[in-house]
N, C-alpha and C. Protein backbone atom coordinates (compact mmCIF):
# COMPACT_ATOMS: atom_id res chain seq x y z
N MET A 1 235.99 39.53 67.19
CA MET A 1 235.56 38.04 67.36
C MET A 1 236.90 37.53 68.16
N ILE A 2 236.17 36.76 69.02
CA ILE A 2 237.07 35.99 69.64
C ILE A 2 237.00 34.07 69.72
N ILE A 3 237.53 33.36 68.96
CA ILE A 3 237.45 32.08 68.70
C ILE A 3 238.63 31.10 69.60
N THR A 4 238.03 30.43 70.50
CA THR A 4 239.13 29.71 71.02
C THR A 4 239.08 27.98 70.93
N ILE A 5 240.21 27.71 70.63
CA ILE A 5 240.68 26.05 70.25
C ILE A 5 241.34 25.76 71.36
N ASP A 6 240.83 24.76 71.86
CA ASP A 6 241.86 23.92 73.06
C ASP A 6 241.50 22.50 72.57
N GLY A 7 242.70 21.36 73.47
CA GLY A 7 242.76 19.85 73.27
C GLY A 7 244.02 19.79 73.71
N PRO A 8 244.49 18.08 73.58
CA PRO A 8 245.62 17.88 73.98
C PRO A 8 246.62 17.93 72.77
N ALA A 9 247.66 18.16 73.12
CA ALA A 9 248.75 17.83 71.77
C ALA A 9 248.69 17.19 71.03
N ALA A 10 249.25 17.43 69.65
CA ALA A 10 248.53 17.04 68.40
C ALA A 10 247.75 16.28 68.18
N ALA A 11 246.72 17.44 68.66
CA ALA A 11 244.83 16.64 68.19
C ALA A 11 244.52 17.61 66.97
N GLY A 12 245.54 18.55 66.46
CA GLY A 12 245.43 19.33 65.39
C GLY A 12 244.66 20.42 65.42
N LYS A 13 244.90 20.97 66.38
CA LYS A 13 244.36 21.95 66.86
C LYS A 13 245.05 23.52 66.35
N GLY A 14 246.13 23.49 66.59
CA GLY A 14 246.92 24.42 65.97
C GLY A 14 246.66 24.72 64.43
N THR A 15 246.83 23.41 63.80
CA THR A 15 246.84 23.55 62.43
C THR A 15 245.03 23.99 61.79
N LEU A 16 244.26 23.62 62.63
CA LEU A 16 242.56 24.52 62.52
C LEU A 16 242.66 25.89 63.18
N ALA A 17 243.47 26.32 64.09
CA ALA A 17 243.56 27.71 64.40
C ALA A 17 244.35 28.36 63.69
N ARG A 18 245.43 28.26 62.89
CA ARG A 18 246.17 28.61 61.95
C ARG A 18 245.40 28.58 60.43
N ALA A 19 244.55 28.01 59.94
CA ALA A 19 243.60 27.87 58.87
C ALA A 19 242.71 28.72 58.87
N LEU A 20 241.71 28.71 60.45
CA LEU A 20 240.80 29.59 60.56
C LEU A 20 241.06 31.02 60.58
N ALA A 21 242.51 31.57 61.50
CA ALA A 21 243.06 32.85 61.74
C ALA A 21 243.31 33.25 59.88
N ALA A 22 243.79 32.47 58.94
CA ALA A 22 243.90 33.14 57.62
C ALA A 22 242.78 33.43 57.13
N LYS A 23 241.60 32.44 57.15
CA LYS A 23 240.14 32.50 56.17
C LYS A 23 239.56 33.93 57.30
N TYR A 24 239.48 34.31 58.34
CA TYR A 24 238.63 35.03 59.11
C TYR A 24 239.72 36.59 58.93
N GLY A 25 240.65 36.57 59.21
CA GLY A 25 241.86 37.49 59.43
C GLY A 25 241.89 37.94 60.47
N LEU A 26 241.84 36.84 61.88
CA LEU A 26 242.18 37.17 62.83
C LEU A 26 243.54 37.17 63.17
N ALA A 27 243.79 37.51 64.37
CA ALA A 27 245.38 37.60 65.01
C ALA A 27 245.62 35.87 65.41
N TYR A 28 246.51 35.26 65.51
CA TYR A 28 246.66 33.97 65.97
C TYR A 28 247.74 33.54 67.15
N PHE A 29 247.18 33.28 68.42
CA PHE A 29 247.64 32.99 69.54
C PHE A 29 247.69 31.65 70.15
N ASP A 30 249.16 31.47 69.81
CA ASP A 30 249.54 29.72 70.42
C ASP A 30 249.92 30.11 71.55
N THR A 31 248.70 29.43 72.68
CA THR A 31 249.01 30.02 74.08
C THR A 31 250.48 29.08 74.77
N GLY A 32 250.17 28.18 74.23
CA GLY A 32 251.39 26.91 74.58
C GLY A 32 252.91 27.87 74.06
N MET A 33 252.88 28.82 73.28
CA MET A 33 254.12 29.27 73.23
C MET A 33 254.80 29.97 74.47
N VAL A 34 253.82 30.52 75.26
CA VAL A 34 254.12 31.39 77.02
C VAL A 34 254.60 30.43 77.60
N TYR A 35 254.64 28.94 77.60
CA TYR A 35 255.05 28.13 78.13
C TYR A 35 256.37 27.77 77.98
N ARG A 36 256.22 27.36 76.39
CA ARG A 36 257.66 26.66 75.98
C ARG A 36 258.60 27.78 76.11
N ALA A 37 258.18 29.22 76.00
CA ALA A 37 259.04 30.17 76.03
C ALA A 37 259.82 30.55 77.43
N VAL A 38 258.75 29.91 78.28
CA VAL A 38 259.94 29.82 80.00
C VAL A 38 260.58 28.42 80.00
N GLY A 39 259.94 27.62 79.56
CA GLY A 39 260.55 26.14 79.61
C GLY A 39 261.74 26.33 78.96
N LEU A 40 262.04 27.02 77.60
CA LEU A 40 263.52 27.15 76.99
C LEU A 40 264.15 28.02 77.68
N GLN A 41 263.88 28.82 78.18
CA GLN A 41 264.80 29.83 78.98
C GLN A 41 265.41 28.84 80.24
N MET A 42 264.42 27.93 81.13
CA MET A 42 264.90 27.14 81.98
C MET A 42 266.08 26.05 81.34
N LEU A 43 265.90 25.81 80.08
CA LEU A 43 266.63 24.54 79.79
C LEU A 43 267.96 25.59 79.21
N LEU A 44 267.67 26.75 78.61
CA LEU A 44 269.35 27.60 78.01
C LEU A 44 270.26 28.06 79.53
N ASN A 45 269.33 28.35 80.38
CA ASN A 45 269.95 28.81 81.33
C ASN A 45 270.30 27.84 82.68
N GLN A 46 270.30 26.19 81.90
CA GLN A 46 270.52 25.21 82.55
C GLN A 46 269.71 24.96 84.21
N ASN A 47 268.56 25.71 84.51
CA ASN A 47 267.70 25.49 85.31
C ASN A 47 267.27 23.97 86.06
N ASN A 48 267.36 23.62 86.75
CA ASN A 48 266.56 22.42 87.20
C ASN A 48 264.99 22.62 86.69
N ALA A 49 264.21 21.91 86.37
CA ALA A 49 262.88 21.52 85.87
C ALA A 49 262.28 21.59 87.26
N ASP A 50 262.35 21.46 88.45
CA ASP A 50 262.09 21.62 89.60
C ASP A 50 261.89 22.73 90.27
N ASP A 51 262.77 23.82 89.83
CA ASP A 51 262.87 25.09 90.16
C ASP A 51 261.79 25.69 89.65
N GLU A 52 260.65 25.84 91.02
CA GLU A 52 259.37 26.60 90.42
C GLU A 52 260.05 28.40 90.64
N LYS A 53 260.47 28.43 91.32
CA LYS A 53 260.79 30.10 91.54
C LYS A 53 261.85 30.63 90.30
N ALA A 54 262.42 29.80 90.02
CA ALA A 54 263.01 30.20 88.50
C ALA A 54 262.21 30.86 87.63
N ALA A 55 261.39 29.39 87.44
CA ALA A 55 260.68 29.28 86.12
C ALA A 55 259.21 30.87 86.33
N GLU A 56 259.25 30.78 87.55
CA GLU A 56 258.00 32.05 88.00
C GLU A 56 258.74 33.24 87.40
N THR A 57 259.97 33.60 87.80
CA THR A 57 260.98 34.81 87.42
C THR A 57 260.86 34.77 85.95
N TYR A 58 260.84 34.02 85.03
CA TYR A 58 261.14 34.24 83.87
C TYR A 58 259.35 34.45 83.44
N ALA A 59 258.46 33.58 83.74
CA ALA A 59 257.13 34.15 83.36
C ALA A 59 256.93 35.58 83.82
N LYS A 60 257.38 35.98 84.96
CA LYS A 60 257.14 37.41 85.28
C LYS A 60 257.36 38.29 84.15
N ASN A 61 258.87 37.86 83.73
CA ASN A 61 259.65 38.93 82.66
C ASN A 61 259.00 38.36 81.52
N LEU A 62 258.33 37.60 81.14
CA LEU A 62 258.22 37.70 79.92
C LEU A 62 257.52 38.65 78.79
N THR A 63 257.84 38.64 77.54
CA THR A 63 256.94 39.93 76.80
C THR A 63 256.64 39.58 75.53
N PHE A 64 255.80 39.76 74.94
CA PHE A 64 255.03 38.94 73.71
C PHE A 64 256.50 39.08 72.58
N PRO A 65 257.41 40.27 72.49
CA PRO A 65 258.48 40.00 71.41
C PRO A 65 259.54 39.09 71.75
N LEU A 66 260.02 39.11 73.16
CA LEU A 66 260.81 38.06 73.75
C LEU A 66 260.18 36.48 73.10
N MET A 67 258.93 36.17 73.65
CA MET A 67 258.39 34.94 72.93
C MET A 67 258.66 34.80 71.61
N ILE A 68 258.40 35.97 70.56
CA ILE A 68 258.28 35.80 69.82
C ILE A 68 260.13 35.09 69.27
N GLN A 69 260.72 36.05 70.12
CA GLN A 69 262.17 35.60 69.64
C GLN A 69 262.64 34.29 69.97
N LEU A 70 262.48 34.13 71.07
CA LEU A 70 262.54 32.89 71.73
C LEU A 70 261.90 31.71 70.90
N SER A 71 260.93 31.53 69.88
CA SER A 71 260.22 30.78 69.23
C SER A 71 261.03 30.38 67.96
N GLU A 72 262.19 30.75 67.77
CA GLU A 72 262.84 30.81 66.63
C GLU A 72 264.36 30.03 67.02
N HIS A 73 264.37 29.32 68.33
CA HIS A 73 265.29 29.07 68.53
C HIS A 73 265.36 27.28 68.27
N PRO A 74 266.27 26.29 67.67
CA PRO A 74 265.83 25.28 67.53
C PRO A 74 265.14 24.18 68.37
N ASP A 75 265.39 24.25 69.67
CA ASP A 75 264.66 23.35 71.03
C ASP A 75 263.03 24.17 71.09
N PHE A 76 262.63 24.97 70.52
CA PHE A 76 261.45 25.53 71.08
C PHE A 76 260.59 24.66 70.70
N ARG A 77 260.29 23.79 70.07
CA ARG A 77 259.40 22.85 69.09
C ARG A 77 259.90 21.27 69.16
N SER A 78 261.20 21.20 70.05
CA SER A 78 261.53 19.90 69.97
C SER A 78 260.76 19.30 71.26
N ALA A 79 261.25 17.70 70.92
CA ALA A 79 260.82 16.89 72.35
C ALA A 79 261.36 17.45 73.32
N LYS A 80 262.19 17.81 73.49
CA LYS A 80 262.94 18.29 75.05
C LYS A 80 262.29 19.79 75.24
N GLY A 81 262.00 20.53 74.22
CA GLY A 81 261.54 21.85 74.43
C GLY A 81 259.89 22.00 75.15
N GLY A 82 259.22 20.78 74.01
CA GLY A 82 257.85 20.47 74.89
C GLY A 82 257.68 20.18 76.71
N LYS A 83 258.37 19.08 76.41
CA LYS A 83 258.61 18.53 78.02
C LYS A 83 258.56 19.07 79.15
N ALA A 84 259.44 20.14 78.43
CA ALA A 84 259.97 21.33 79.69
C ALA A 84 259.01 22.27 80.07
N ALA A 85 258.23 22.85 78.64
CA ALA A 85 257.12 23.29 78.95
C ALA A 85 256.19 23.02 79.67
N SER A 86 255.64 21.82 79.04
CA SER A 86 254.81 20.93 79.99
C SER A 86 255.24 21.08 81.79
N ILE A 87 256.08 20.36 82.08
CA ILE A 87 256.47 20.76 83.50
C ILE A 87 256.26 22.46 84.19
N VAL A 88 256.72 23.10 83.40
CA VAL A 88 256.35 24.66 83.94
C VAL A 88 254.93 24.54 83.76
N SER A 89 254.06 24.56 83.02
CA SER A 89 252.96 24.82 82.93
C SER A 89 252.29 24.57 83.96
N ALA A 90 252.59 23.67 84.78
CA ALA A 90 251.87 22.67 85.75
C ALA A 90 252.21 23.53 87.17
N TYR A 91 253.02 24.76 87.34
CA TYR A 91 253.24 25.52 88.63
C TYR A 91 251.87 26.27 88.67
N PRO A 92 251.78 26.63 89.33
CA PRO A 92 250.32 27.62 89.77
C PRO A 92 251.04 28.99 89.50
N SER A 93 252.22 28.82 90.65
CA SER A 93 252.34 30.57 90.00
C SER A 93 253.14 30.83 88.57
N VAL A 94 253.24 30.24 87.75
CA VAL A 94 253.42 30.40 86.55
C VAL A 94 252.57 30.63 85.61
N ARG A 95 251.38 29.56 85.72
CA ARG A 95 250.22 30.09 85.27
C ARG A 95 249.68 31.56 85.59
N LYS A 96 249.84 31.78 86.78
CA LYS A 96 249.03 32.79 87.05
C LYS A 96 249.80 34.51 86.09
N ALA A 97 251.02 33.88 86.67
CA ALA A 97 252.17 34.76 85.96
C ALA A 97 251.78 35.24 84.81
N LEU A 98 251.54 34.40 83.76
CA LEU A 98 251.08 34.41 82.26
C LEU A 98 249.68 34.69 81.72
N LEU A 99 248.75 34.21 82.54
CA LEU A 99 247.62 34.61 82.74
C LEU A 99 247.04 35.86 81.97
N LYS A 100 247.28 36.84 82.62
CA LYS A 100 247.38 38.14 82.47
C LYS A 100 247.57 38.74 81.25
N MET A 101 248.96 38.03 80.65
CA MET A 101 249.35 38.35 79.07
C MET A 101 248.28 38.04 78.37
N GLN A 102 248.18 36.70 78.30
CA GLN A 102 247.00 36.00 77.77
C GLN A 102 245.79 36.78 77.09
N GLN A 103 245.44 37.22 78.82
CA GLN A 103 243.96 37.88 78.44
C GLN A 103 244.26 39.12 78.30
N ASP A 104 245.13 40.10 78.36
CA ASP A 104 245.11 41.20 77.46
C ASP A 104 245.51 40.92 76.28
N PHE A 105 245.78 40.37 75.88
CA PHE A 105 245.78 40.26 74.23
C PHE A 105 244.73 40.05 73.47
N ALA A 106 243.49 39.55 73.97
CA ALA A 106 242.06 39.77 73.31
C ALA A 106 241.87 41.03 73.01
N LEU A 107 242.41 41.92 74.39
CA LEU A 107 241.82 43.30 74.19
C LEU A 107 242.34 44.03 73.13
N ASN A 108 243.81 43.90 72.87
CA ASN A 108 244.61 44.51 71.82
C ASN A 108 245.22 43.67 71.12
N PRO A 109 244.38 42.59 70.02
CA PRO A 109 245.02 41.35 69.55
C PRO A 109 245.86 42.41 68.47
N VAL A 110 246.92 41.87 67.96
CA VAL A 110 247.62 42.51 67.09
C VAL A 110 248.43 41.07 65.91
N PHE A 111 248.91 41.04 64.83
CA PHE A 111 249.50 40.03 64.15
C PHE A 111 250.90 39.95 64.46
N LYS A 112 251.63 39.01 63.90
CA LYS A 112 253.21 38.94 64.35
C LYS A 112 253.86 40.16 64.08
N ASP A 113 253.61 40.67 62.96
CA ASP A 113 254.35 42.35 63.08
C ASP A 113 254.01 43.01 63.34
N GLY A 114 253.03 42.84 64.53
CA GLY A 114 252.65 44.21 65.24
C GLY A 114 251.35 44.76 64.74
N THR A 115 250.80 44.58 63.76
CA THR A 115 249.71 45.37 63.33
C THR A 115 248.44 45.24 63.82
N PRO A 116 247.82 45.89 64.15
CA PRO A 116 246.04 45.39 64.78
C PRO A 116 245.22 44.46 64.04
N ALA A 117 244.37 43.78 64.81
CA ALA A 117 243.64 42.55 64.06
C ALA A 117 242.25 43.44 64.85
N HIS A 118 241.19 42.63 64.10
CA HIS A 118 239.64 42.71 64.71
C HIS A 118 239.52 41.47 65.49
N GLY A 119 240.14 40.83 66.22
CA GLY A 119 239.76 39.46 67.03
C GLY A 119 241.20 38.54 66.59
N VAL A 120 240.95 37.40 67.47
CA VAL A 120 241.58 36.68 67.72
C VAL A 120 241.37 35.28 67.89
N ILE A 121 242.03 33.84 67.50
CA ILE A 121 241.89 32.80 67.64
C ILE A 121 243.20 32.44 68.64
N TYR A 122 242.64 31.96 70.03
CA TYR A 122 243.55 30.86 70.40
C TYR A 122 243.73 29.97 70.65
N ASP A 123 244.84 29.15 70.43
CA ASP A 123 245.12 27.65 70.38
C ASP A 123 245.82 27.06 71.49
N GLY A 124 245.12 26.46 72.74
CA GLY A 124 245.60 26.54 73.41
C GLY A 124 245.20 24.92 74.52
N ARG A 125 244.89 25.22 75.86
CA ARG A 125 244.44 23.77 76.44
C ARG A 125 242.71 23.99 77.45
N ASP A 126 243.00 25.54 77.70
CA ASP A 126 242.07 26.34 78.84
C ASP A 126 241.77 27.47 78.20
N THR A 127 241.86 27.58 76.73
CA THR A 127 241.44 29.32 76.56
C THR A 127 240.28 29.45 76.75
N GLY A 128 239.72 28.25 76.05
CA GLY A 128 237.95 28.48 76.32
C GLY A 128 237.48 28.40 77.81
N THR A 129 238.18 28.09 79.04
CA THR A 129 237.55 28.00 80.35
C THR A 129 238.07 29.11 81.11
N VAL A 130 238.98 29.55 80.85
CA VAL A 130 240.14 30.15 81.91
C VAL A 130 240.39 31.46 81.27
N VAL A 131 241.47 31.48 79.69
CA VAL A 131 242.10 32.37 79.50
C VAL A 131 240.78 33.06 78.57
N CYS A 132 239.94 32.83 77.79
CA CYS A 132 238.60 33.84 77.25
C CYS A 132 237.58 33.23 77.58
N PRO A 133 236.41 32.88 78.88
CA PRO A 133 235.60 32.41 79.10
C PRO A 133 234.54 32.70 78.19
N GLN A 134 234.78 34.03 77.87
CA GLN A 134 233.49 35.05 77.30
C GLN A 134 233.72 34.73 75.68
N ALA A 135 234.36 34.27 75.06
CA ALA A 135 235.09 34.01 73.99
C ALA A 135 233.33 33.59 72.96
N ASP A 136 233.44 34.23 71.85
CA ASP A 136 232.73 33.93 71.06
C ASP A 136 231.85 32.79 70.34
N VAL A 137 233.02 32.10 69.81
CA VAL A 137 232.80 30.28 69.63
C VAL A 137 234.06 29.87 70.68
N LYS A 138 233.49 28.57 70.75
CA LYS A 138 234.48 27.37 71.32
C LYS A 138 234.46 26.33 70.65
N PHE A 139 235.74 25.74 70.65
CA PHE A 139 236.39 24.54 70.20
C PHE A 139 237.03 23.61 70.99
N PHE A 140 236.67 22.25 70.71
CA PHE A 140 237.63 21.30 71.62
C PHE A 140 237.73 20.20 70.85
N ILE A 141 238.93 20.19 70.28
CA ILE A 141 239.44 19.03 69.27
C ILE A 141 240.77 18.07 69.91
N THR A 142 240.02 16.98 70.00
CA THR A 142 241.09 15.88 70.44
C THR A 142 241.02 14.14 69.72
N ALA A 143 241.82 13.63 69.80
CA ALA A 143 242.33 12.17 69.02
C ALA A 143 242.55 11.14 69.94
N SER A 144 242.70 10.32 69.64
CA SER A 144 243.81 9.21 70.53
C SER A 144 244.78 9.39 70.68
N SER A 145 245.56 9.01 71.51
CA SER A 145 246.86 9.19 72.35
C SER A 145 247.57 8.87 71.04
N GLU A 146 247.00 7.07 70.68
CA GLU A 146 247.91 6.64 69.27
C GLU A 146 248.12 7.77 68.15
N VAL A 147 246.72 7.84 67.54
CA VAL A 147 247.19 8.75 66.58
C VAL A 147 247.75 10.34 66.64
N ARG A 148 247.43 10.92 67.93
CA ARG A 148 248.56 11.67 67.98
C ARG A 148 249.86 11.71 68.20
N ALA A 149 250.27 10.77 68.64
CA ALA A 149 251.79 10.60 69.05
C ALA A 149 252.53 10.06 67.13
N LEU A 150 251.92 9.52 66.55
CA LEU A 150 251.77 9.32 65.13
C LEU A 150 251.95 10.18 64.80
N ARG A 151 251.21 11.51 64.72
CA ARG A 151 251.39 12.47 63.84
C ARG A 151 252.60 13.27 64.34
N ARG A 152 252.83 13.51 65.73
CA ARG A 152 253.79 14.28 66.35
C ARG A 152 255.53 13.35 65.52
N TYR A 153 255.21 12.23 65.51
CA TYR A 153 256.40 11.34 65.26
C TYR A 153 256.73 11.40 63.69
N LYS A 154 255.59 11.78 62.99
CA LYS A 154 255.94 12.34 62.06
C LYS A 154 256.43 13.52 61.29
N GLU A 155 256.05 14.08 62.29
CA GLU A 155 256.32 15.45 62.69
C GLU A 155 258.24 15.84 62.58
N PHE A 156 258.84 15.15 63.53
CA PHE A 156 260.15 14.50 64.28
C PHE A 156 260.46 14.59 62.84
N GLN A 157 260.13 13.44 62.53
CA GLN A 157 260.89 13.01 61.38
C GLN A 157 261.03 13.99 60.14
N GLU A 158 260.24 14.54 59.81
CA GLU A 158 260.42 15.78 58.84
C GLU A 158 261.11 16.64 59.17
N LYS A 159 261.28 17.41 60.35
CA LYS A 159 262.42 17.89 61.10
C LYS A 159 263.67 17.02 61.34
N GLY A 160 264.14 16.44 61.17
CA GLY A 160 265.04 15.84 60.82
C GLY A 160 265.42 14.95 62.81
N ILE A 161 264.36 15.27 63.67
CA ILE A 161 265.13 14.79 65.10
C ILE A 161 264.44 13.67 65.33
N GLU A 162 265.53 12.83 65.82
CA GLU A 162 265.84 11.45 66.32
C GLU A 162 265.06 11.26 67.19
N ILE A 163 263.77 10.17 67.07
CA ILE A 163 263.28 10.06 68.57
C ILE A 163 262.30 8.79 68.02
N SER A 164 262.08 7.47 69.04
CA SER A 164 260.95 6.61 68.27
C SER A 164 259.92 6.97 68.61
N TYR A 165 258.95 6.02 67.99
CA TYR A 165 257.49 6.17 68.03
C TYR A 165 257.03 5.91 69.49
N ASP A 166 257.88 4.94 70.17
CA ASP A 166 257.52 4.60 71.32
C ASP A 166 257.99 6.05 72.78
N GLU A 167 259.19 6.40 72.37
CA GLU A 167 258.95 7.35 73.17
C GLU A 167 257.62 8.81 72.88
N VAL A 168 257.77 9.11 72.03
CA VAL A 168 256.37 9.55 71.10
C VAL A 168 255.54 9.50 72.26
N LEU A 169 255.08 8.52 71.89
CA LEU A 169 253.61 8.25 72.65
C LEU A 169 253.63 8.07 73.95
N LYS A 170 254.90 7.92 74.69
CA LYS A 170 255.42 8.11 76.40
C LYS A 170 255.22 9.10 76.80
N ASP A 171 255.65 10.11 75.73
CA ASP A 171 255.67 11.84 76.18
C ASP A 171 254.17 12.10 75.93
N VAL A 172 253.47 11.82 74.79
CA VAL A 172 252.19 12.07 74.97
C VAL A 172 251.27 11.58 75.83
N LYS A 173 251.36 10.35 76.22
CA LYS A 173 250.65 9.99 77.32
C LYS A 173 251.10 10.77 79.08
N ALA A 174 252.13 11.31 79.30
CA ALA A 174 252.73 11.96 80.62
C ALA A 174 252.33 13.35 80.42
N ARG A 175 252.17 13.80 79.24
CA ARG A 175 251.36 15.37 79.17
C ARG A 175 250.30 15.50 79.48
N ASP A 176 249.68 14.52 78.89
CA ASP A 176 247.83 14.14 79.24
C ASP A 176 247.98 13.80 80.61
N GLU A 177 248.41 13.38 81.16
CA GLU A 177 248.46 12.70 82.52
C GLU A 177 248.55 13.89 83.43
N ARG A 178 249.89 15.08 83.11
CA ARG A 178 249.64 15.99 83.89
C ARG A 178 248.67 16.94 83.67
N ASP A 179 247.95 17.36 82.40
CA ASP A 179 247.10 18.28 82.06
C ASP A 179 246.08 18.02 82.72
N ALA A 180 245.26 16.52 82.85
CA ALA A 180 244.67 16.24 83.62
C ALA A 180 244.66 16.34 84.77
N THR A 181 245.54 16.27 85.33
CA THR A 181 245.63 16.15 87.11
C THR A 181 245.90 17.41 88.02
N ARG A 182 246.41 18.38 86.93
CA ARG A 182 246.84 19.76 87.16
C ARG A 182 245.52 20.06 88.69
N ALA A 183 246.38 20.88 89.47
CA ALA A 183 245.78 21.26 90.47
C ALA A 183 244.85 22.52 89.72
N SER A 184 245.36 23.76 89.24
CA SER A 184 245.02 24.79 89.24
C SER A 184 244.07 24.80 88.25
N SER A 185 243.91 23.87 86.91
CA SER A 185 242.93 23.91 85.92
C SER A 185 242.94 22.17 85.34
N PRO A 186 242.68 21.83 85.32
CA PRO A 186 242.81 20.78 84.78
C PRO A 186 242.04 20.54 83.19
N MET A 187 242.33 19.98 81.92
CA MET A 187 241.87 20.31 80.75
C MET A 187 240.81 19.57 80.61
N LYS A 188 240.11 20.45 80.20
CA LYS A 188 238.82 19.92 79.99
C LYS A 188 237.40 20.77 79.00
N PRO A 189 237.08 19.94 78.20
CA PRO A 189 236.15 21.11 77.17
C PRO A 189 235.21 22.29 77.92
N ALA A 190 235.05 23.57 77.43
CA ALA A 190 234.13 24.58 78.13
C ALA A 190 232.78 24.27 77.89
N GLU A 191 231.77 24.04 78.58
CA GLU A 191 230.15 23.55 78.52
C GLU A 191 230.41 24.07 77.36
N ASP A 192 230.17 25.22 76.88
CA ASP A 192 229.72 25.31 75.39
C ASP A 192 230.33 25.23 74.51
N ALA A 193 231.15 24.45 74.51
CA ALA A 193 232.20 24.20 73.23
C ALA A 193 232.06 23.31 72.55
N VAL A 194 232.28 23.24 71.37
CA VAL A 194 231.86 22.06 70.17
C VAL A 194 232.93 21.46 70.25
N ILE A 195 233.21 19.77 70.26
CA ILE A 195 234.10 18.85 70.45
C ILE A 195 234.05 18.32 69.10
N PHE A 196 235.12 18.23 68.52
CA PHE A 196 235.65 17.53 67.49
C PHE A 196 236.76 16.45 67.68
N ASP A 197 236.12 15.07 67.71
CA ASP A 197 237.38 13.60 67.79
C ASP A 197 237.76 13.60 66.16
N THR A 198 239.33 14.23 65.75
CA THR A 198 239.87 14.49 64.95
C THR A 198 240.72 12.86 64.48
N SER A 199 240.34 11.52 65.12
CA SER A 199 240.96 10.41 64.90
C SER A 199 241.00 9.94 63.73
N GLU A 200 239.60 10.32 62.93
CA GLU A 200 239.05 9.64 62.26
C GLU A 200 238.89 10.90 60.87
N LEU A 201 238.94 11.95 61.39
CA LEU A 201 239.14 13.11 60.46
C LEU A 201 239.92 13.71 59.79
N ASN A 202 240.19 14.47 58.20
CA ASN A 202 241.28 15.56 58.07
C ASN A 202 241.01 16.44 58.45
N ILE A 203 242.02 17.63 58.34
CA ILE A 203 241.76 18.79 58.29
C ILE A 203 241.03 19.41 57.50
N GLU A 204 240.65 18.91 56.05
CA GLU A 204 239.44 19.85 55.37
C GLU A 204 238.35 19.06 56.24
N GLU A 205 238.03 18.19 56.43
CA GLU A 205 236.69 17.99 57.24
C GLU A 205 236.51 19.09 58.58
N VAL A 206 237.36 18.95 59.25
CA VAL A 206 237.03 19.76 60.39
C VAL A 206 237.10 21.29 59.93
N LEU A 207 237.72 21.31 58.94
CA LEU A 207 237.84 23.02 59.21
C LEU A 207 236.09 23.24 58.19
N GLN A 208 235.75 22.59 57.24
CA GLN A 208 234.46 22.61 57.08
C GLN A 208 233.64 23.09 57.82
N LYS A 209 233.79 21.79 59.07
CA LYS A 209 232.46 21.93 59.94
C LYS A 209 232.47 22.81 61.40
N ALA A 210 234.17 23.66 61.29
CA ALA A 210 234.12 24.66 62.00
C ALA A 210 233.94 25.93 61.37
N CYS A 211 233.78 26.28 60.24
CA CYS A 211 233.49 27.40 59.42
C CYS A 211 232.27 27.31 58.85
N HIS A 212 231.57 26.25 59.09
CA HIS A 212 230.21 26.37 59.37
C HIS A 212 229.40 26.88 60.56
N LEU A 213 230.28 26.36 61.58
CA LEU A 213 229.46 26.94 62.76
C LEU A 213 229.81 28.23 63.45
N ILE A 214 230.70 28.94 62.67
CA ILE A 214 231.49 30.41 62.77
C ILE A 214 230.59 30.94 61.91
N ASP A 215 230.27 30.86 60.51
CA ASP A 215 229.57 31.44 59.66
C ASP A 215 227.79 31.44 60.20
N SER A 216 227.54 30.29 61.02
CA SER A 216 226.35 30.18 61.25
C SER A 216 226.65 31.52 62.55
N TRP A 217 227.39 31.56 63.69
CA TRP A 217 227.39 32.41 64.17
C TRP A 217 227.50 34.10 63.85
N GLN A 218 228.28 34.15 63.00
CA GLN A 218 228.24 35.88 62.49
C GLN A 218 226.93 36.15 61.96
N LYS A 219 226.11 34.54 61.06
CA LYS A 219 224.80 35.59 60.44
C LYS A 219 223.95 35.63 61.82
N LYS A 220 223.82 35.09 62.97
CA LYS A 220 222.95 35.09 64.29
C LYS A 220 223.41 36.84 64.39
N LEU A 221 224.37 37.28 64.54
CA LEU A 221 224.80 39.03 64.93
C LEU A 221 224.39 39.83 63.70
N GLU A 222 224.11 39.10 62.54
CA GLU A 222 223.54 39.92 61.73
C GLU A 222 221.99 40.09 61.21
N LYS A 223 221.20 39.46 62.49
CA LYS A 223 219.79 39.28 62.08
C LYS A 223 219.47 40.51 63.12
């Protein structure tokens, strides 16, 4: 079973994806990690964010174990790391280099410890339209920019990261603009995706709705 969950930053897609992966025993692939891994390498090696060639080189040499290793770095999930990831993800050469890695994972999905899984849940921005358009179930999770910025701001506060709400909101809006206007594949819901606006919904409500749809799909296969 392949499930894709797309949407903008801090909409709640990651929380939903992890919950569904645990419930249905599926591997979890956060596709944003590949871009964060490349972005972090740019930061660690002091490359200019505009150096597309350097970003492409890192992308071509990225492996799953290296991505997991880089994910342990403090800046991997920081605001600075997120900005770098968003910038490199806009480069067509980087997206092309990383796309095959993401697509191949669906053929042989594994859990974080390397053991085989019988399916995968993709968490990203265009997994249902570009990475796995053949997915069995597709979701698109969204929320207002203000709500998403507040969620991200609270996450940073809990981690002890000093940043203002206005800075987070500015970054969220900038990332939305880049995602919406990138030439390679502007972020948008797949035609057959189920859309959830989480501005007024909590995770339990979204999870319940998603499980109902997945269970309905599984029952159809059994008939």
